[in-house]
Protein backbone atom coordinates (compact mmCIF):
# COMPACT_ATOMS: atom_id res chain seq x y z
CA UNK A 1 42.29 -85.99 105.00
CA UNK A 2 42.28 -85.48 101.23
CA UNK A 3 39.55 -87.20 99.19
CA UNK A 4 38.30 -87.09 95.60
CA UNK A 5 34.75 -87.25 94.25
CA UNK A 6 34.10 -88.35 90.68
CA UNK A 7 30.79 -87.19 89.26
CA UNK A 8 29.77 -89.82 86.74
CA UNK A 9 26.05 -89.49 86.19
CA UNK A 10 25.79 -87.68 82.84
CA UNK A 11 24.18 -89.18 79.76
CA UNK A 12 26.56 -87.93 77.05
CA UNK A 13 23.90 -87.50 74.35
CA UNK A 14 26.23 -85.39 72.19
CA UNK A 15 28.34 -88.52 71.64
CA UNK A 16 25.44 -90.52 70.22
CA UNK A 17 25.30 -93.17 68.73
CA UNK A 18 28.28 -94.55 70.65
CA UNK A 19 27.09 -93.17 73.98
CA UNK A 20 23.74 -94.64 75.06
CA UNK A 21 21.67 -94.61 78.24
CA UNK A 22 23.02 -98.02 79.29
CA UNK A 23 26.62 -97.20 78.32
CA UNK A 24 27.22 -93.43 78.54
CA UNK A 25 30.49 -91.85 77.58
CA UNK A 26 32.10 -92.23 81.02
CA UNK A 27 32.06 -96.02 80.57
CA UNK A 28 33.56 -95.93 77.07
CA UNK A 29 37.12 -95.96 75.77
CA UNK A 30 37.22 -92.76 73.73
CA UNK A 31 40.80 -91.50 73.83
CA UNK A 32 42.80 -94.60 74.78
CA UNK A 33 42.24 -98.26 75.57
CA UNK A 34 40.99 -97.49 79.09
CA UNK A 35 37.52 -96.05 79.65
CA UNK A 36 37.02 -92.43 80.67
CA UNK A 37 36.10 -93.52 84.18
CA UNK A 38 39.20 -95.69 84.51
CA UNK A 39 41.41 -92.86 83.27
CA UNK A 40 39.86 -90.43 85.79
CA UNK A 41 40.22 -92.78 88.76
CA UNK A 42 43.76 -93.97 88.03
CA UNK A 43 44.95 -90.47 87.10
CA UNK A 44 44.55 -89.52 90.77
CA UNK A 45 47.13 -92.08 91.85
CA UNK A 46 49.24 -91.89 93.95
CA UNK A 47 48.03 -88.49 95.20
CA UNK A 48 44.64 -89.86 96.25
CA UNK A 49 44.49 -93.64 96.83
CA UNK A 50 41.48 -95.51 95.51
CA UNK A 51 40.12 -96.09 99.01
CA UNK A 52 39.57 -92.30 99.27
CA UNK A 53 37.98 -91.97 95.83
CA UNK A 54 34.19 -91.59 95.91
CA UNK A 55 31.75 -91.81 93.01
CA UNK A 56 28.30 -90.29 92.66
CA UNK A 57 26.25 -91.91 89.91
CA UNK A 58 23.13 -93.99 89.30
CA UNK A 59 22.71 -97.63 90.31
CA UNK A 60 23.07 -99.01 86.80
CA UNK A 61 26.35 -97.22 86.13
CA UNK A 62 27.73 -98.05 89.59
CA UNK A 63 27.64 -101.74 88.69
CA UNK A 64 29.68 -101.07 85.54
CA UNK A 65 32.19 -98.82 87.27
CA UNK A 66 32.76 -101.33 90.07
CA UNK A 67 33.95 -103.82 87.45
CA UNK A 68 36.09 -101.26 85.67
CA UNK A 69 37.92 -100.03 88.80
CA UNK A 70 37.64 -102.76 91.46
CA UNK A 71 39.94 -100.91 93.87
CA UNK A 72 37.30 -98.33 94.77
CA UNK A 73 35.39 -99.64 97.83
CA UNK A 74 31.73 -100.44 97.20
CA UNK A 75 30.83 -98.23 100.17
CA UNK A 76 32.30 -95.23 98.30
CA UNK A 77 29.56 -95.34 95.66
CA UNK A 78 26.86 -92.77 96.32
CA UNK A 79 23.68 -93.43 94.38
CA UNK A 80 21.46 -90.56 93.28
CA UNK A 81 17.79 -91.55 92.89
CA UNK A 82 17.39 -89.60 89.63
CA UNK A 83 19.25 -87.03 87.57
CA UNK A 84 18.73 -83.51 88.91
CA UNK A 85 21.84 -81.82 87.52
CA UNK A 86 25.06 -81.98 89.50
CA UNK A 87 24.23 -79.54 92.30
CA UNK A 88 22.13 -82.01 94.30
CA UNK A 89 24.60 -84.79 93.47
CA UNK A 90 27.43 -82.78 95.05
CA UNK A 91 25.35 -81.99 98.14
CA UNK A 92 24.48 -85.67 98.57
CA UNK A 93 28.10 -86.73 98.12
CA UNK A 94 29.45 -84.13 100.56
CA UNK A 95 26.98 -85.40 103.15
CA UNK A 96 28.24 -88.97 102.74
CA UNK A 97 31.93 -88.08 102.73
CA UNK A 98 31.56 -85.83 105.79
CA UNK A 99 29.77 -88.67 107.59
CA UNK A 100 32.79 -90.92 106.97
CA UNK A 101 35.41 -88.21 107.65
CA UNK A 102 34.18 -85.00 109.24
CA UNK A 103 37.47 -83.23 108.43
CA UNK A 104 37.59 -84.31 104.78
CA UNK A 105 38.76 -82.00 102.02
CA UNK A 106 37.49 -83.19 98.66
CA UNK A 107 38.33 -82.50 95.02
CA UNK A 108 35.14 -82.59 92.96
CA UNK A 109 35.95 -83.90 89.49
CA UNK A 110 34.05 -85.28 86.52
CA UNK A 111 34.59 -88.53 84.65
CA UNK A 112 34.65 -87.05 81.14
CA UNK A 113 37.64 -84.71 81.24
CA UNK A 114 40.83 -85.24 79.29
CA UNK A 115 43.95 -84.05 81.12
CA UNK A 116 47.16 -84.50 79.22
CA UNK A 117 49.60 -83.21 81.86
CA UNK A 118 49.11 -85.45 84.88
CA UNK A 119 52.06 -84.11 86.87
CA UNK A 120 50.82 -80.53 86.47
CA UNK A 121 47.34 -81.66 87.49
CA UNK A 122 48.72 -83.24 90.68
CA UNK A 123 50.67 -80.06 91.45
CA UNK A 124 47.53 -77.96 91.05
CA UNK A 125 45.46 -80.32 93.22
CA UNK A 126 48.08 -80.25 95.97
CA UNK A 127 48.08 -76.44 95.94
CA UNK A 128 44.28 -76.36 95.92
CA UNK A 129 44.00 -78.79 98.83
CA UNK A 130 46.29 -76.56 100.87
CA UNK A 131 44.46 -73.32 100.05
CA UNK A 132 41.16 -75.02 100.94
CA UNK A 133 42.39 -75.42 104.51
CA UNK A 134 41.77 -71.69 104.93
CA UNK A 135 38.07 -72.31 104.20
CA UNK A 136 38.23 -71.33 100.56
CA UNK A 137 36.48 -73.16 97.77
CA UNK A 138 39.18 -73.47 95.13
CA UNK A 139 38.55 -73.91 91.44
CA UNK A 140 41.02 -74.76 88.70
CA UNK A 141 40.77 -72.26 85.87
CA UNK A 142 41.86 -73.31 82.40
CA UNK A 143 43.93 -70.83 80.43
CA UNK A 144 41.75 -70.09 77.37
CA UNK A 145 43.23 -70.70 73.94
CA UNK A 146 40.34 -69.29 71.88
CA UNK A 147 37.15 -67.27 72.56
CA UNK A 148 34.86 -70.18 73.39
CA UNK A 149 31.14 -69.55 73.78
CA UNK A 150 30.63 -73.10 75.05
CA UNK A 151 32.43 -72.75 78.40
CA UNK A 152 31.75 -70.69 81.48
CA UNK A 153 34.42 -68.19 82.60
CA UNK A 154 35.96 -67.15 85.91
CA UNK A 155 37.37 -63.65 86.34
CA UNK A 156 40.27 -63.52 88.73
CA UNK A 157 40.72 -60.67 91.18
CA UNK A 158 43.60 -59.80 93.48
CA UNK A 159 46.53 -62.16 93.89
CA UNK A 160 46.57 -64.19 97.09
CA UNK A 161 49.76 -66.21 97.22
CA UNK A 162 51.89 -68.73 95.36
CA UNK A 163 51.96 -72.44 96.22
CA UNK A 164 53.89 -75.19 94.47
CA UNK A 165 54.90 -72.63 91.83
CA UNK A 166 51.30 -71.75 91.00
CA UNK A 167 49.77 -68.29 91.42
CA UNK A 168 46.50 -68.20 93.35
CA UNK A 169 43.91 -65.45 93.03
CA UNK A 170 40.63 -64.42 94.57
CA UNK A 171 37.80 -65.31 92.19
CA UNK A 172 35.86 -62.17 91.33
CA UNK A 173 33.00 -63.40 89.16
CA UNK A 174 31.59 -66.44 87.35
CA UNK A 175 30.02 -65.94 83.91
CA UNK A 176 28.06 -68.62 82.10
CA UNK A 177 28.59 -69.27 78.38
CA UNK A 178 28.99 -65.74 76.93
CA UNK A 179 28.25 -64.36 73.49
CA UNK A 180 31.04 -64.31 70.92
CA UNK A 181 32.06 -60.67 71.40
CA UNK A 182 32.18 -61.10 75.17
CA UNK A 183 34.28 -64.27 74.85
CA UNK A 184 36.69 -62.37 72.59
CA UNK A 185 37.02 -59.61 75.19
CA UNK A 186 37.64 -62.17 77.94
CA UNK A 187 40.42 -63.79 75.90
CA UNK A 188 42.02 -60.41 75.24
CA UNK A 189 41.97 -59.05 78.81
CA UNK A 190 44.01 -61.94 80.27
CA UNK A 191 41.98 -61.96 83.51
CA UNK A 192 39.58 -64.76 82.63
CA UNK A 193 39.90 -68.53 82.75
CA UNK A 194 37.56 -71.23 81.50
CA UNK A 195 35.53 -72.79 84.28
CA UNK A 196 36.77 -76.39 84.38
CA UNK A 197 34.05 -77.55 86.76
CA UNK A 198 36.72 -78.85 89.16
CA UNK A 199 36.28 -77.60 92.73
CA UNK A 200 38.29 -78.35 95.86
CA UNK A 201 36.78 -77.65 99.28
CA UNK A 202 36.38 -78.86 102.82
CA UNK A 203 33.17 -80.87 103.01
CA UNK A 204 32.04 -78.67 105.88
CA UNK A 205 32.60 -75.51 103.83
CA UNK A 206 30.59 -76.91 100.93
CA UNK A 207 27.76 -77.96 103.23
CA UNK A 208 27.85 -74.49 104.83
CA UNK A 209 27.26 -72.95 101.40
CA UNK A 210 24.32 -75.30 100.79
CA UNK A 211 22.86 -74.24 104.16
CA UNK A 212 23.32 -70.57 103.26
CA UNK A 213 22.08 -70.72 99.66
CA UNK A 214 19.83 -73.81 99.44
CA UNK A 215 18.46 -74.01 103.00
CA UNK A 216 15.52 -76.38 102.38
CA UNK A 217 17.68 -78.93 100.60
CA UNK A 218 20.47 -78.51 103.16
CA UNK A 219 18.06 -79.22 106.02
CA UNK A 220 16.95 -82.40 104.25
CA UNK A 221 20.59 -83.40 103.75
CA UNK A 222 21.28 -82.88 107.44
CA UNK A 223 18.42 -85.22 108.31
CA UNK A 224 19.69 -87.68 105.71
CA UNK A 225 23.16 -87.63 107.25
CA UNK A 226 21.82 -88.97 110.54
CA UNK A 227 20.30 -92.00 108.75
CA UNK A 228 23.33 -93.19 106.77
CA UNK A 229 23.78 -96.90 107.41
CA UNK A 230 20.31 -97.31 108.90
CA UNK A 231 16.95 -98.59 107.62
CA UNK A 232 15.63 -95.02 107.59
CA UNK A 233 18.08 -93.93 104.88
CA UNK A 234 15.95 -94.67 101.80
CA UNK A 235 12.99 -92.65 103.06
CA UNK A 236 15.27 -89.77 104.04
CA UNK A 237 16.90 -89.83 100.60
CA UNK A 238 13.53 -89.67 98.85
CA UNK A 239 12.53 -86.75 101.05
CA UNK A 240 15.78 -84.92 100.27
CA UNK A 241 15.42 -85.51 96.56
CA UNK A 242 11.86 -84.18 96.60
CA UNK A 243 13.19 -80.75 97.62
CA UNK A 244 16.50 -80.89 95.74
CA UNK A 245 16.90 -77.92 93.37
CA UNK A 246 17.50 -78.88 89.75
CA UNK A 247 20.61 -76.74 89.47
CA UNK A 248 24.23 -77.14 88.52
CA UNK A 249 26.83 -76.79 91.26
CA UNK A 250 27.74 -73.41 89.72
CA UNK A 251 24.23 -72.03 90.19
CA UNK A 252 23.53 -73.91 93.43
CA UNK A 253 26.49 -72.59 95.44
CA UNK A 254 29.54 -71.48 93.47
CA UNK A 255 28.35 -68.17 92.02
CA UNK A 256 27.22 -67.00 95.46
CA UNK A 257 29.93 -68.61 97.59
CA UNK A 258 31.63 -66.38 100.18
CA UNK A 259 35.29 -67.38 99.77
CA UNK A 260 36.39 -68.58 96.34
CA UNK A 261 39.92 -68.83 94.96
CA UNK A 262 41.03 -69.69 91.44
CA UNK A 263 44.27 -71.29 90.29
CA UNK A 264 44.94 -70.75 86.56
CA UNK A 265 46.48 -73.95 85.21
CA UNK A 266 47.88 -75.36 81.99
CA UNK A 267 47.13 -79.09 82.19
CA UNK A 268 46.21 -79.86 78.55
CA UNK A 269 42.53 -80.00 79.52
CA UNK A 270 39.54 -80.78 77.37
CA UNK A 271 35.92 -81.34 78.24
CA UNK A 272 35.01 -84.26 76.00
CA UNK A 273 31.48 -83.11 75.42
CA UNK A 274 31.14 -83.71 71.69
CA UNK A 275 32.70 -85.43 68.71
CA UNK A 276 34.33 -82.12 67.80
CA UNK A 277 36.12 -81.83 71.14
CA UNK A 278 37.21 -85.46 70.82
CA UNK A 279 38.64 -84.80 67.36
CA UNK A 280 40.65 -81.91 68.83
CA UNK A 281 42.63 -84.17 71.15
CA UNK A 282 42.99 -87.36 69.11
CA UNK A 283 46.14 -88.08 67.08
CA UNK A 284 45.57 -87.01 63.48
CA UNK A 285 47.12 -87.64 60.09
CA UNK A 286 48.62 -84.96 57.87
CA UNK A 287 45.15 -83.94 56.68
CA UNK A 288 43.79 -83.52 60.20
CA UNK A 289 41.76 -86.74 60.16
CA UNK A 290 41.29 -89.09 63.11
CA UNK A 291 40.36 -92.70 62.37
CA UNK A 292 39.67 -95.54 64.79
CA UNK A 293 41.10 -98.87 63.69
CA UNK A 294 42.51 -99.89 60.32
CA UNK A 295 39.17 -100.32 58.55
CA UNK A 296 39.04 -96.81 57.07
CA UNK A 297 40.12 -95.75 53.59
CA UNK A 298 40.18 -91.97 53.08
CA UNK A 299 40.79 -90.18 49.78
CA UNK A 300 40.87 -86.39 49.47
CA UNK A 301 39.40 -86.06 52.94
CA UNK A 302 40.39 -83.61 55.70
CA UNK A 303 39.47 -82.66 59.29
CA UNK A 304 37.18 -85.67 59.53
CA UNK A 305 36.58 -88.20 62.30
CA UNK A 306 35.60 -91.77 61.43
CA UNK A 307 34.88 -94.35 64.12
CA UNK A 308 33.87 -97.85 63.09
CA UNK A 309 33.85 -101.20 64.84
CA UNK A 310 34.48 -104.00 62.34
CA UNK A 311 32.94 -102.65 59.15
CA UNK A 312 35.13 -101.28 56.36
CA UNK A 313 34.40 -97.59 55.69
CA UNK A 314 35.60 -95.66 52.63
CA UNK A 315 35.29 -91.87 52.46
CA UNK A 316 36.12 -89.53 49.59
CA UNK A 317 35.99 -85.79 49.11
CA UNK A 318 34.90 -84.99 52.65
CA UNK A 319 35.84 -82.10 54.91
CA UNK A 320 34.73 -81.30 58.46
CA UNK A 321 32.57 -84.39 58.89
CA UNK A 322 31.97 -86.93 61.68
CA UNK A 323 31.07 -90.53 60.83
CA UNK A 324 30.32 -92.97 63.65
CA UNK A 325 29.34 -96.51 62.69
CA UNK A 326 27.91 -98.83 65.36
CA UNK A 327 26.19 -102.21 64.92
CA UNK A 328 22.70 -100.68 64.98
CA UNK A 329 23.15 -97.03 63.98
CA UNK A 330 25.18 -94.85 61.63
CA UNK A 331 25.82 -91.14 62.21
CA UNK A 332 26.98 -88.81 59.44
CA UNK A 333 27.13 -85.23 60.64
CA UNK A 334 28.77 -81.95 59.73
CA UNK A 335 31.43 -81.11 62.31
CA UNK A 336 29.84 -77.76 63.07
CA UNK A 337 26.53 -79.41 64.01
CA UNK A 338 27.72 -82.07 66.44
CA UNK A 339 26.71 -79.92 69.40
CA UNK A 340 23.11 -80.32 68.21
CA UNK A 341 22.99 -84.11 68.39
CA UNK A 342 20.56 -83.84 71.29
CA UNK A 343 17.97 -83.07 68.61
CA UNK A 344 18.44 -86.57 67.18
CA UNK A 345 18.19 -88.14 70.62
CA UNK A 346 15.05 -86.16 71.36
CA UNK A 347 13.46 -87.18 68.05
CA UNK A 348 14.25 -90.84 68.79
CA UNK A 349 12.67 -90.40 72.21
CA UNK A 350 9.54 -88.89 70.66
CA UNK A 351 9.39 -91.78 68.19
CA UNK A 352 9.80 -94.22 71.09
CA UNK A 353 12.93 -95.75 69.60
CA UNK A 354 14.19 -96.91 72.99
CA UNK A 355 16.36 -99.46 71.21
CA UNK A 356 18.49 -96.61 69.89
CA UNK A 357 18.67 -94.47 73.02
């Protein structure tokens, strides 16, 4: 049966000061009135009903998400003890889903992606689910529009087949965030797609790759699987987490996986990882500005994002700037430095300003 897993454990520090540890970006309404998590869950309908949507996150965020999307069963929330990148989170989730449905095929998604073309997304998922039945791990590759150094890339190899009007290829190689000249070559050769971080696989195939590439963690997961629903579960989870590798899913299993296919897609995708990427997808005025609410007055200002709650903000003579006004913090940042906001968060942590984290 087809399932979906939403990974929703990230902190979103590059969207500070709006995103905080107790309300990270997945729980916020950034693009529309619904939160990112709500958009992700409801976007799957009707292809994957809410009762087959699973969520891996921390305990604090699970309580928030349960209120935001009440249709997801409480039993479908998988709680990770601590953040160890998303590789261990995926292994833990696959163990739980396979325990509930040993024949499950799952789409691994994240809660902070913008996808503008829902019908195309459904078509790609349907094709991926079908290809996965031949024991492939399938990834959705995003057609690059510029030579990004912030995304990983997937090089496609020989063509496999066509399903639902989409061409499917063997995946030849994964490359993490390349240098500028390499990214330019990838864009020019037409064989590379951005790595969207969306993977579709049989649970058993994913767990096989963990056994092959992360054997110590996989053995602990196998022991954990026998304790689900019992009083021994908490101890088994702690034991598994003690040996969990702090690796992304790409490094943990994808780069070394035996059978990987890629489907290049055009789904109007964006990874909302910074204020700059958010500005790219928001509606803008003739000068390229994006303003939240009607409390902004802009004069001779261009390519600028202003987000305020209830305070009036006037800007003049600005270009390529982000301004985010919250009740307890104000951010003013050059657009080309928003990817470095982790430096502010780290300084606040060093200064023990927990009230602002």
